């Protein structure tokens, strides 16, 4: 009984050992495959992120506008000595440009103005913007008119009574936010990039709490899809990069392990066959060329009756005949 069980136990041990080796190999291959897939996924995400960062310009940019004016003049009325003027820079960190070349932008100025009697009597006033490039060259200029929104005295009284608790506590103020659209489709030139702008308000009596310049990009085409559908674009972009990288890795693996779709031996045989065919063609062309040259030489050479050997044979026969006629033996 024990002798019969011995081979079975050995067979079970061999099967278990082989199964364990196969399981280890499969687990190792699965771990390698998982690491490769994770690496490809991270590379795909990095490539898409790099493309998005380099291709998509700044979506919006806003900066406070600080107006300056002169006050060294003598005026009888409460007015400024000059128009309020501000100089705005379109550079981030004094290096990078805010606006990309060829990208349309919407530029607007927001004015926070109090509902004071002076502003109500002011009426319409002009806001002018002049953008410039390096060296201070003006590349574009525009002027727009604006004013406070009209509110009747009755409406102002009712609004004051209704919001009096908030007005007394300082939670709200009697002011209006005026938005002036300066450019609806502004594009900067690659040869003369815009680096700043000068904003001027053509009124010496205007009263302003604060102001802000807003620049918003208007996207079209691929940039419109990337901006308005970021999640869908990211999934499609990462999946495309992942598939492309997977194909490259698969072909590299086949070329390294099995020789790929075109094994080196077959490629070598094809190259050798091609070389032999070209050598034979060259030999055939050289042979035909030599035959043509020889035939040309034979046609151009002078014709002779007989050859040198025939002439010598003829002379020898004549001498023998003469000697035999004289019964003399030739002495050589």
Protein backbone atom coordinates (compact mmCIF):
# COMPACT_ATOMS: atom_id res chain seq x y z
CA UNK A 1 0.00 0.00 0.00
CA UNK A 2 2.81 2.40 0.95
CA UNK A 3 4.73 1.45 -2.18
CA UNK A 4 1.71 2.26 -4.33
CA UNK A 5 1.18 5.63 -2.69
CA UNK A 6 4.80 6.72 -3.19
CA UNK A 7 4.58 7.55 -6.94
CA UNK A 8 1.27 9.31 -6.40
CA UNK A 9 2.76 11.51 -3.72
CA UNK A 10 5.76 12.31 -5.93
CA UNK A 11 3.39 13.17 -8.77
CA UNK A 12 1.33 15.42 -6.52
CA UNK A 13 4.50 17.13 -5.30
CA UNK A 14 5.65 17.70 -8.88
CA UNK A 15 2.23 19.05 -9.89
CA UNK A 16 2.16 21.33 -6.84
CA UNK A 17 5.69 22.58 -7.57
CA UNK A 18 4.87 23.25 -11.22
CA UNK A 19 1.60 24.96 -10.26
CA UNK A 20 3.40 27.12 -7.70
CA UNK A 21 6.03 28.13 -10.24
CA UNK A 22 3.34 29.00 -12.79
CA UNK A 23 1.39 30.94 -10.16
CA UNK A 24 4.49 32.90 -9.19
CA UNK A 25 5.27 33.61 -12.83
CA UNK A 26 1.69 34.69 -13.52
CA UNK A 27 1.64 36.89 -10.44
CA UNK A 28 4.97 38.45 -11.42
CA UNK A 29 3.76 39.10 -14.97
CA UNK A 30 0.52 40.57 -13.64
CA UNK A 31 2.47 42.87 -11.31
CA UNK A 32 4.69 44.00 -14.18
CA UNK A 33 1.66 44.57 -16.40
CA UNK A 34 -0.07 46.57 -13.66
CA UNK A 35 3.01 48.75 -13.13
CA UNK A 36 3.33 49.35 -16.88
CA UNK A 37 -0.34 50.31 -17.18
CA UNK A 38 -0.09 52.68 -14.21
CA UNK A 39 3.04 54.24 -15.70
CA UNK A 40 1.33 54.67 -19.08
CA UNK A 41 -1.68 56.24 -17.36
CA UNK A 42 0.48 58.74 -15.49
CA UNK A 43 2.41 59.59 -18.66
CA UNK A 44 -0.87 60.08 -20.54
CA UNK A 45 -2.17 62.41 -17.84
CA UNK A 46 1.11 64.34 -17.83
CA UNK A 47 1.07 64.73 -21.62
CA UNK A 48 -2.53 65.96 -21.62
CA UNK A 49 -1.82 68.36 -18.77
CA UNK A 50 1.24 69.73 -20.57
CA UNK A 51 -0.78 70.18 -23.76
CA UNK A 52 -3.62 71.91 -21.91
CA UNK A 53 -1.26 74.24 -20.04
CA UNK A 54 0.66 75.23 -23.18
CA UNK A 55 -2.33 75.47 -25.53
CA UNK A 56 -4.94 77.15 -23.33
CA UNK A 57 -4.25 80.84 -22.62
CA UNK A 58 -5.29 82.77 -19.53
CA UNK A 59 -9.07 82.65 -19.31
CA UNK A 60 -9.58 85.87 -17.37
CA UNK A 61 -7.43 88.60 -15.91
CA UNK A 62 -8.47 91.47 -13.67
CA UNK A 63 -6.43 94.18 -12.06
CA UNK A 64 -7.34 97.26 -10.01
CA UNK A 65 -7.10 100.60 -11.75
CA UNK A 66 -5.60 103.40 -9.69
CA UNK A 67 -6.19 106.80 -11.25
CA UNK A 68 -3.87 109.71 -10.69
CA UNK A 69 -4.39 113.40 -11.45
CA UNK A 70 -2.81 116.76 -10.73
CA UNK A 71 -4.09 119.10 -8.04
CA UNK A 72 -1.68 122.02 -8.20
CA UNK A 73 -4.02 124.40 -9.97
CA UNK A 74 -6.36 127.05 -8.64
CA UNK A 75 -9.98 126.35 -9.44
CA UNK A 76 -13.05 127.95 -7.99
CA UNK A 77 -15.25 124.88 -8.43
CA UNK A 78 -14.64 121.48 -6.80
CA UNK A 79 -12.96 119.96 -9.85
CA UNK A 80 -9.70 118.23 -10.69
CA UNK A 81 -6.83 119.92 -12.46
CA UNK A 82 -6.49 117.12 -15.03
CA UNK A 83 -8.31 114.07 -16.31
CA UNK A 84 -7.94 110.97 -14.12
CA UNK A 85 -5.37 108.71 -15.80
CA UNK A 86 -4.08 105.21 -15.02
CA UNK A 87 -1.31 103.07 -16.51
CA UNK A 88 -2.02 99.31 -16.55
CA UNK A 89 0.52 96.56 -17.21
CA UNK A 90 -0.47 93.40 -19.10
CA UNK A 91 2.49 91.38 -17.81
CA UNK A 92 2.35 88.71 -15.11
CA UNK A 93 5.37 88.68 -12.82
CA UNK A 94 6.99 91.19 -15.20
CA UNK A 95 7.73 88.30 -17.61
CA UNK A 96 4.69 86.48 -18.97
CA UNK A 97 2.14 88.19 -21.15
CA UNK A 98 -1.50 88.05 -20.13
CA UNK A 99 -2.91 87.88 -23.66
CA UNK A 100 -1.95 85.17 -26.15
CA UNK A 101 -1.22 85.95 -29.79
CA UNK A 102 -4.26 85.74 -32.07
CA UNK A 103 -6.71 85.03 -29.24
CA UNK A 104 -9.76 87.36 -29.11
CA UNK A 105 -10.41 89.04 -25.77
CA UNK A 106 -13.17 91.13 -24.27
CA UNK A 107 -11.83 94.11 -22.32
CA UNK A 108 -14.11 96.08 -20.00
CA UNK A 109 -13.73 98.67 -17.25
CA UNK A 110 -15.81 98.50 -14.07
CA UNK A 111 -16.40 101.80 -12.28
CA UNK A 112 -17.83 101.90 -8.77
CA UNK A 113 -19.43 105.34 -8.51
CA UNK A 114 -21.50 106.91 -5.70
CA UNK A 115 -24.97 108.26 -6.39
CA UNK A 116 -23.86 111.74 -5.43
CA UNK A 117 -25.38 114.97 -6.77
CA UNK A 118 -22.13 115.69 -8.62
CA UNK A 119 -22.23 112.41 -10.56
CA UNK A 120 -25.95 112.82 -11.24
CA UNK A 121 -25.36 116.27 -12.70
CA UNK A 122 -22.28 115.06 -14.57
CA UNK A 123 -24.24 113.26 -17.25
CA UNK A 124 -22.28 111.41 -19.93
CA UNK A 125 -18.50 111.28 -19.91
CA UNK A 126 -15.86 109.55 -22.05
CA UNK A 127 -13.55 106.70 -21.10
CA UNK A 128 -10.54 106.28 -23.38
CA UNK A 129 -8.10 103.38 -23.53
CA UNK A 130 -4.82 103.31 -25.50
CA UNK A 131 -2.85 100.05 -25.57
CA UNK A 132 0.87 100.17 -26.31
CA UNK A 133 3.73 97.81 -27.13
CA UNK A 134 7.39 97.88 -26.19
CA UNK A 135 8.88 101.33 -26.49
CA UNK A 136 5.54 103.01 -25.79
CA UNK A 137 4.18 102.66 -29.32
CA UNK A 138 0.39 102.93 -29.38
CA UNK A 139 -1.07 99.93 -31.24
CA UNK A 140 -4.77 100.47 -30.54
CA UNK A 141 -7.00 103.17 -29.11
CA UNK A 142 -10.71 103.34 -28.33
CA UNK A 143 -13.16 105.68 -26.59
CA UNK A 144 -16.50 104.83 -25.00
CA UNK A 145 -19.16 106.95 -23.30
CA UNK A 146 -21.04 106.06 -20.12
CA UNK A 147 -23.08 107.56 -17.29
CA UNK A 148 -24.96 106.65 -14.13
CA UNK A 149 -28.24 104.82 -14.45
CA UNK A 150 -31.17 107.17 -14.01
CA UNK A 151 -33.21 106.92 -10.81
CA UNK A 152 -36.03 109.30 -10.03
CA UNK A 153 -36.21 111.19 -6.76
CA UNK A 154 -39.24 109.13 -5.67
CA UNK A 155 -37.40 105.89 -6.31
CA UNK A 156 -34.36 107.14 -4.42
CA UNK A 157 -36.55 108.13 -1.45
CA UNK A 158 -38.31 104.74 -1.36
CA UNK A 159 -35.01 102.91 -1.70
CA UNK A 160 -33.50 104.94 1.13
CA UNK A 161 -36.43 104.23 3.42
CA UNK A 162 -36.49 100.53 2.56
CA UNK A 163 -32.76 99.95 2.97
CA UNK A 164 -32.25 102.43 5.81
CA UNK A 165 -31.34 99.71 8.37
CA UNK A 166 -28.67 98.34 6.05
CA UNK A 167 -27.49 101.82 5.17
CA UNK A 168 -27.17 102.79 8.82
CA UNK A 169 -25.19 99.65 9.67
CA UNK A 170 -22.93 100.07 6.63
CA UNK A 171 -23.94 96.80 4.97
CA UNK A 172 -24.93 98.59 1.77
CA UNK A 173 -24.12 101.90 0.12
CA UNK A 174 -25.83 104.16 -2.33
CA UNK A 175 -23.62 103.44 -5.29
CA UNK A 176 -23.72 101.95 -8.77
CA UNK A 177 -21.37 99.60 -10.60
CA UNK A 178 -20.92 100.86 -14.16
CA UNK A 179 -19.40 98.45 -16.70
CA UNK A 180 -17.87 100.02 -19.81
CA UNK A 181 -17.01 97.60 -22.64
CA UNK A 182 -13.89 98.92 -24.32
CA UNK A 183 -13.04 96.06 -26.72
CA UNK A 184 -15.27 93.16 -27.72
CA UNK A 185 -12.74 91.35 -29.94
CA UNK A 186 -9.24 92.52 -29.10
CA UNK A 187 -6.29 90.59 -30.55
CA UNK A 188 -2.65 91.22 -29.82
CA UNK A 189 -0.10 91.18 -32.61
CA UNK A 190 2.80 88.74 -32.46
CA UNK A 191 5.19 91.29 -33.98
CA UNK A 192 4.06 94.10 -31.66
CA UNK A 193 2.69 92.44 -28.51
CA UNK A 194 0.61 94.56 -26.18
CA UNK A 195 2.31 95.00 -22.81
CA UNK A 196 0.15 97.71 -21.24
CA UNK A 197 -2.55 100.32 -21.62
CA UNK A 198 -3.33 103.86 -20.54
CA UNK A 199 -6.89 104.53 -19.33
CA UNK A 200 -8.15 108.10 -19.18
CA UNK A 201 -11.52 109.46 -18.00
CA UNK A 202 -12.42 112.66 -19.81
CA UNK A 203 -14.07 114.44 -16.92
CA UNK A 204 -12.63 116.62 -14.19
CA UNK A 205 -15.65 116.35 -11.91
CA UNK A 206 -16.24 112.60 -11.88
CA UNK A 207 -16.27 110.88 -8.49
CA UNK A 208 -15.15 107.23 -8.31
CA UNK A 209 -14.88 104.87 -5.38
CA UNK A 210 -12.80 102.24 -7.18
CA UNK A 211 -12.33 100.75 -10.63
CA UNK A 212 -11.15 97.48 -12.11
CA UNK A 213 -10.06 96.38 -15.58
CA UNK A 214 -11.33 92.95 -16.65
CA UNK A 215 -9.97 90.88 -19.56
CA UNK A 216 -11.86 87.75 -20.55
CA UNK A 217 -10.88 85.38 -23.37
CA UNK A 218 -13.45 84.47 -26.00
CA UNK A 219 -12.68 80.90 -27.10
CA UNK A 220 -13.53 79.25 -30.42
CA UNK A 221 -12.81 75.85 -31.95
CA UNK A 222 -10.81 73.37 -29.88
CA UNK A 223 -10.25 75.89 -27.12
CA UNK A 224 -14.02 76.34 -26.79
CA UNK A 225 -14.45 72.57 -26.32
CA UNK A 226 -11.56 72.34 -23.85
CA UNK A 227 -12.89 75.22 -21.76
CA UNK A 228 -16.62 74.43 -21.77
CA UNK A 229 -16.30 70.62 -21.55
CA UNK A 230 -13.17 70.09 -19.43
CA UNK A 231 -14.06 66.64 -18.05
CA UNK A 232 -15.05 65.16 -21.41
CA UNK A 233 -11.99 66.66 -23.09
CA UNK A 234 -9.72 65.31 -20.35
CA UNK A 235 -11.15 61.77 -20.63
CA UNK A 236 -10.84 61.74 -24.42
CA UNK A 237 -7.34 63.24 -24.37
CA UNK A 238 -5.99 60.88 -21.70
CA UNK A 239 -7.60 57.85 -23.38
CA UNK A 240 -6.08 58.80 -26.74
CA UNK A 241 -2.62 59.23 -25.24
CA UNK A 242 -2.99 55.95 -23.34
CA UNK A 243 -3.99 54.03 -26.47
CA UNK A 244 -1.15 55.53 -28.51
CA UNK A 245 1.45 54.77 -25.85
CA UNK A 246 0.05 51.25 -25.38
CA UNK A 247 0.46 50.51 -29.09
CA UNK A 248 4.06 51.76 -29.00
CA UNK A 249 4.87 49.63 -25.93
CA UNK A 250 3.19 46.57 -27.49
CA UNK A 251 5.16 46.85 -30.73
CA UNK A 252 8.36 47.37 -28.76
CA UNK A 253 7.62 44.26 -26.68
CA UNK A 254 6.94 42.14 -29.78
CA UNK A 255 10.10 43.42 -31.45
CA UNK A 256 12.16 42.61 -28.35
CA UNK A 257 10.66 39.18 -27.57
CA UNK A 258 9.48 37.59 -30.81
CA UNK A 259 11.12 39.71 -33.46
CA UNK A 260 7.95 41.64 -34.15
CA UNK A 261 5.97 41.58 -37.34
CA UNK A 262 9.18 41.65 -39.42
CA UNK A 263 11.79 39.35 -37.83
CA UNK A 264 15.41 40.39 -38.30
CA UNK A 265 16.23 37.17 -40.25
CA UNK A 266 13.58 37.85 -42.85
CA UNK A 267 14.63 41.46 -43.12
CA UNK A 268 18.27 40.37 -43.55
CA UNK A 269 17.31 37.85 -46.26
CA UNK A 270 15.27 40.49 -48.09
CA UNK A 271 18.13 42.94 -47.94
CA UNK A 272 20.63 40.33 -49.20
CA UNK A 273 18.32 39.30 -52.03
CA UNK A 274 17.89 42.91 -52.98
CA UNK A 275 21.68 43.45 -52.94
CA UNK A 276 22.30 40.32 -55.08
CA UNK A 277 19.71 41.44 -57.60
CA UNK A 278 21.30 44.88 -57.88
CA UNK A 279 24.78 43.31 -58.29
CA UNK A 280 23.56 41.05 -61.10
CA UNK A 281 21.93 43.98 -62.85
CA UNK A 282 25.17 45.96 -62.65
CA UNK A 283 27.16 43.02 -64.04
CA UNK A 284 24.72 42.61 -66.93
CA UNK A 285 24.92 46.33 -67.72
CA UNK A 286 28.76 46.22 -67.63
CA UNK A 287 28.84 43.16 -69.94
CA UNK A 288 26.53 44.80 -72.46
CA UNK A 289 28.61 47.95 -72.34
CA UNK A 290 31.84 46.01 -73.02
CA UNK A 291 30.25 44.12 -75.93
CA UNK A 292 29.07 47.36 -77.43
CA UNK A 293 32.54 48.92 -77.10
CA UNK A 294 34.22 45.86 -78.69
CA UNK A 295 31.82 45.85 -81.62
CA UNK A 296 32.44 49.56 -82.10
CA UNK A 297 36.23 48.96 -82.13
CA UNK A 298 35.92 46.17 -84.72
CA UNK A 299 33.90 48.42 -86.97
CA UNK A 300 36.43 51.25 -86.70
CA UNK A 301 39.62 49.04 -87.12
CA UNK A 302 41.26 48.77 -90.72
CA UNK A 303 40.60 45.55 -92.66
CA UNK A 304 43.59 43.22 -93.56
CA UNK A 305 43.60 40.29 -96.00
CA UNK A 306 44.74 37.36 -94.00
CA UNK A 307 46.42 37.38 -90.69
CA UNK A 308 49.98 37.36 -89.55
CA UNK A 309 49.96 33.59 -89.01
CA UNK A 310 48.62 32.96 -92.54
CA UNK A 311 51.40 35.10 -94.02
CA UNK A 312 54.12 33.25 -92.13
CA UNK A 313 52.65 29.88 -93.16
CA UNK A 314 52.62 30.97 -96.77
CA UNK A 315 56.26 32.07 -96.66
CA UNK A 316 57.28 28.80 -95.01
CA UNK A 317 55.58 26.68 -97.68
CA UNK A 318 57.25 28.67 -100.46
CA UNK A 319 60.68 28.14 -98.94
CA UNK A 320 60.11 24.39 -98.61
CA UNK A 321 59.02 24.17 -102.20
CA UNK A 322 62.11 26.00 -103.36
CA UNK A 323 64.41 23.77 -101.32
CA UNK A 324 62.76 20.63 -102.52
CA UNK A 325 63.12 21.82 -106.09
CA UNK A 326 66.85 22.23 -105.63
CA UNK A 327 67.14 18.96 -103.71
CA UNK A 328 68.47 20.82 -100.74
CA UNK A 329 67.60 20.18 -97.17
CA UNK A 330 66.98 23.16 -95.11
CA UNK A 331 69.47 23.85 -92.40
CA UNK A 332 68.11 25.18 -89.24
